[in-house]
Amino acid sequence: MEVINTLGRRKTAVARAYMTEGKGNVTVNGRDYKEFFPTEVLQFKVTQPFELTDTTGKFDVKINVSGGGINGQVEAVRLAISRALVEVNEENKPLLKAKGLMTRDPRMVERKKPGQPKARKKFQFSKR
């Protein structure tokens, strides 16, 4: 099996995943994913696609992630891993799609507009 290269995004975070057959090692930016994502909730999000498709321990994944915060990064990683698993076996797609892992979440931070302090907040209005 050759290297499968996929991309995942969430907010401003971008994750590039390189998946090969192996023993289940997941490295993020050169570190183990348990070290990079310290809490159990974040670690669960990384392993969730493997658990849903019963492929835990079958693939090694190297991930480069940049931008955004830790939650955006872990969700970008999850999307990249899910897309790679679909490239390996097309039958994984309905399982992952049912749990919402194949959807690119389009929600982004709204830009600040001129003449306002924030995106939607307005300066105090004075009638007189």
Protein backbone atom coordinates (compact mmCIF):
# COMPACT_ATOMS: atom_id res chain seq x y z
CA MET A 1 0.00 0.00 0.00
CA GLU A 2 1.31 3.42 -0.93
CA VAL A 3 1.02 6.55 1.20
CA ILE A 4 -2.47 8.07 1.23
CA ASN A 5 -2.41 11.86 1.49
CA THR A 6 -5.53 13.74 2.67
CA LEU A 7 -6.46 17.17 3.97
CA GLY A 8 -8.80 18.23 6.78
CA ARG A 9 -9.85 21.74 7.76
CA ARG A 10 -11.82 23.35 10.59
CA LYS A 11 -12.05 27.11 11.19
CA THR A 12 -8.46 28.25 10.43
CA ALA A 13 -6.81 24.91 11.29
CA VAL A 14 -5.40 22.78 8.46
CA ALA A 15 -4.35 19.14 8.96
CA ARG A 16 -2.44 17.13 6.35
CA ALA A 17 -2.51 13.36 6.99
CA TYR A 18 -0.18 10.75 5.48
CA MET A 19 -1.51 7.22 6.11
CA THR A 20 0.34 3.94 5.56
CA GLU A 21 -0.17 0.38 6.72
CA GLY A 22 1.37 -0.20 10.14
CA LYS A 23 0.78 -0.81 13.82
CA GLY A 24 -1.51 2.09 14.71
CA ASN A 25 1.03 4.84 15.48
CA VAL A 26 -0.46 8.33 15.18
CA THR A 27 2.05 11.19 15.26
CA VAL A 28 1.04 14.85 15.15
CA ASN A 29 3.77 17.37 14.28
CA GLY A 30 6.45 14.79 15.16
CA ARG A 31 4.97 13.98 18.59
CA ASP A 32 2.63 11.20 19.73
CA TYR A 33 -1.00 12.29 19.53
CA LYS A 34 -1.52 11.61 23.25
CA GLU A 35 1.25 14.10 24.03
CA PHE A 36 0.03 16.67 21.47
CA PHE A 37 -3.66 16.42 22.52
CA PRO A 38 -3.49 16.03 26.33
CA THR A 39 -7.16 15.55 27.29
CA GLU A 40 -9.15 12.35 26.81
CA VAL A 41 -11.90 14.10 24.85
CA LEU A 42 -9.40 15.30 22.24
CA GLN A 43 -7.70 11.89 22.10
CA PHE A 44 -11.11 10.24 21.56
CA LYS A 45 -11.77 12.57 18.59
CA VAL A 46 -8.49 11.43 16.98
CA THR A 47 -9.26 7.71 17.39
CA GLN A 48 -13.01 7.94 16.65
CA PRO A 49 -12.77 7.21 12.87
CA PHE A 50 -10.64 4.10 13.53
CA GLU A 51 -13.06 2.78 16.17
CA LEU A 52 -16.12 3.29 13.94
CA THR A 53 -14.51 1.42 11.01
CA ASP A 54 -12.82 -1.33 13.13
CA THR A 55 -9.37 -0.38 11.80
CA THR A 56 -7.71 0.37 15.15
CA GLY A 57 -4.03 -0.64 14.99
CA LYS A 58 -3.94 -1.25 11.22
CA PHE A 59 -2.60 2.08 9.95
CA ASP A 60 0.21 4.48 10.85
CA VAL A 61 -0.70 8.14 10.41
CA LYS A 62 1.66 11.12 10.28
CA ILE A 63 -0.15 14.43 10.61
CA ASN A 64 1.05 18.00 10.12
CA VAL A 65 -1.38 20.47 11.64
CA SER A 66 -1.19 24.26 11.78
CA GLY A 67 -3.40 27.24 12.55
CA GLY A 68 -6.36 27.69 14.83
CA GLY A 69 -6.78 26.46 18.38
CA ILE A 70 -6.48 22.99 19.84
CA ASN A 71 -10.15 22.06 19.28
CA GLY A 72 -10.14 23.23 15.66
CA GLN A 73 -6.92 21.32 15.10
CA VAL A 74 -8.25 18.04 16.52
CA GLU A 75 -11.40 18.29 14.39
CA ALA A 76 -9.30 18.99 11.30
CA VAL A 77 -7.21 15.90 12.15
CA ARG A 78 -10.39 13.83 12.54
CA LEU A 79 -11.66 14.89 9.10
CA ALA A 80 -8.28 14.13 7.47
CA ILE A 81 -8.17 10.63 9.02
CA SER A 82 -11.80 9.96 7.99
CA ARG A 83 -11.08 10.96 4.38
CA ALA A 84 -8.01 8.71 4.32
CA LEU A 85 -10.04 5.74 5.61
CA VAL A 86 -12.60 6.30 2.84
CA GLU A 87 -9.80 6.25 0.25
CA VAL A 88 -8.62 2.90 1.67
CA ASN A 89 -12.11 1.35 1.61
CA GLU A 90 -15.15 3.04 0.08
CA GLU A 91 -17.44 0.97 2.35
CA ASN A 92 -16.31 3.07 5.34
CA LYS A 93 -18.05 6.18 3.99
CA PRO A 94 -21.65 5.44 5.14
CA LEU A 95 -20.44 4.57 8.67
CA LEU A 96 -18.44 7.77 8.99
CA LYS A 97 -21.06 9.94 7.30
CA ALA A 98 -23.77 8.72 9.69
CA LYS A 99 -21.71 10.03 12.64
CA GLY A 100 -20.99 13.33 10.84
CA LEU A 101 -17.25 12.76 10.38
CA MET A 102 -17.21 13.31 6.60
CA THR A 103 -18.67 16.82 6.80
CA ARG A 104 -16.41 19.86 6.47
CA ASP A 105 -17.76 22.27 9.10
CA PRO A 106 -17.93 25.62 7.25
CA ARG A 107 -18.41 27.85 10.32
CA MET A 108 -15.72 30.51 10.49
CA VAL A 109 -15.17 33.61 12.59
CA GLU A 110 -17.07 36.54 11.11
CA ARG A 111 -14.90 39.47 10.09
CA LYS A 112 -14.85 42.75 12.01
CA LYS A 113 -16.55 45.56 10.12
CA PRO A 114 -15.33 49.18 10.04
CA GLY A 115 -17.30 51.58 12.24
CA GLN A 116 -18.10 48.80 14.72
CA PRO A 117 -16.11 47.50 17.70
CA LYS A 118 -16.61 43.82 16.72
CA ALA A 119 -18.29 41.78 13.98
CA ARG A 120 -21.88 42.42 15.12
CA LYS A 121 -21.58 44.67 18.18
CA LYS A 122 -22.30 48.35 17.53
CA PHE A 123 -21.07 51.44 19.31
CA GLN A 124 -23.64 52.92 21.73
CA PHE A 125 -26.25 54.95 19.88
CA SER A 126 -27.10 58.39 21.20
CA LYS A 127 -30.24 60.06 19.90
CA ARG A 128 -29.34 63.51 21.30
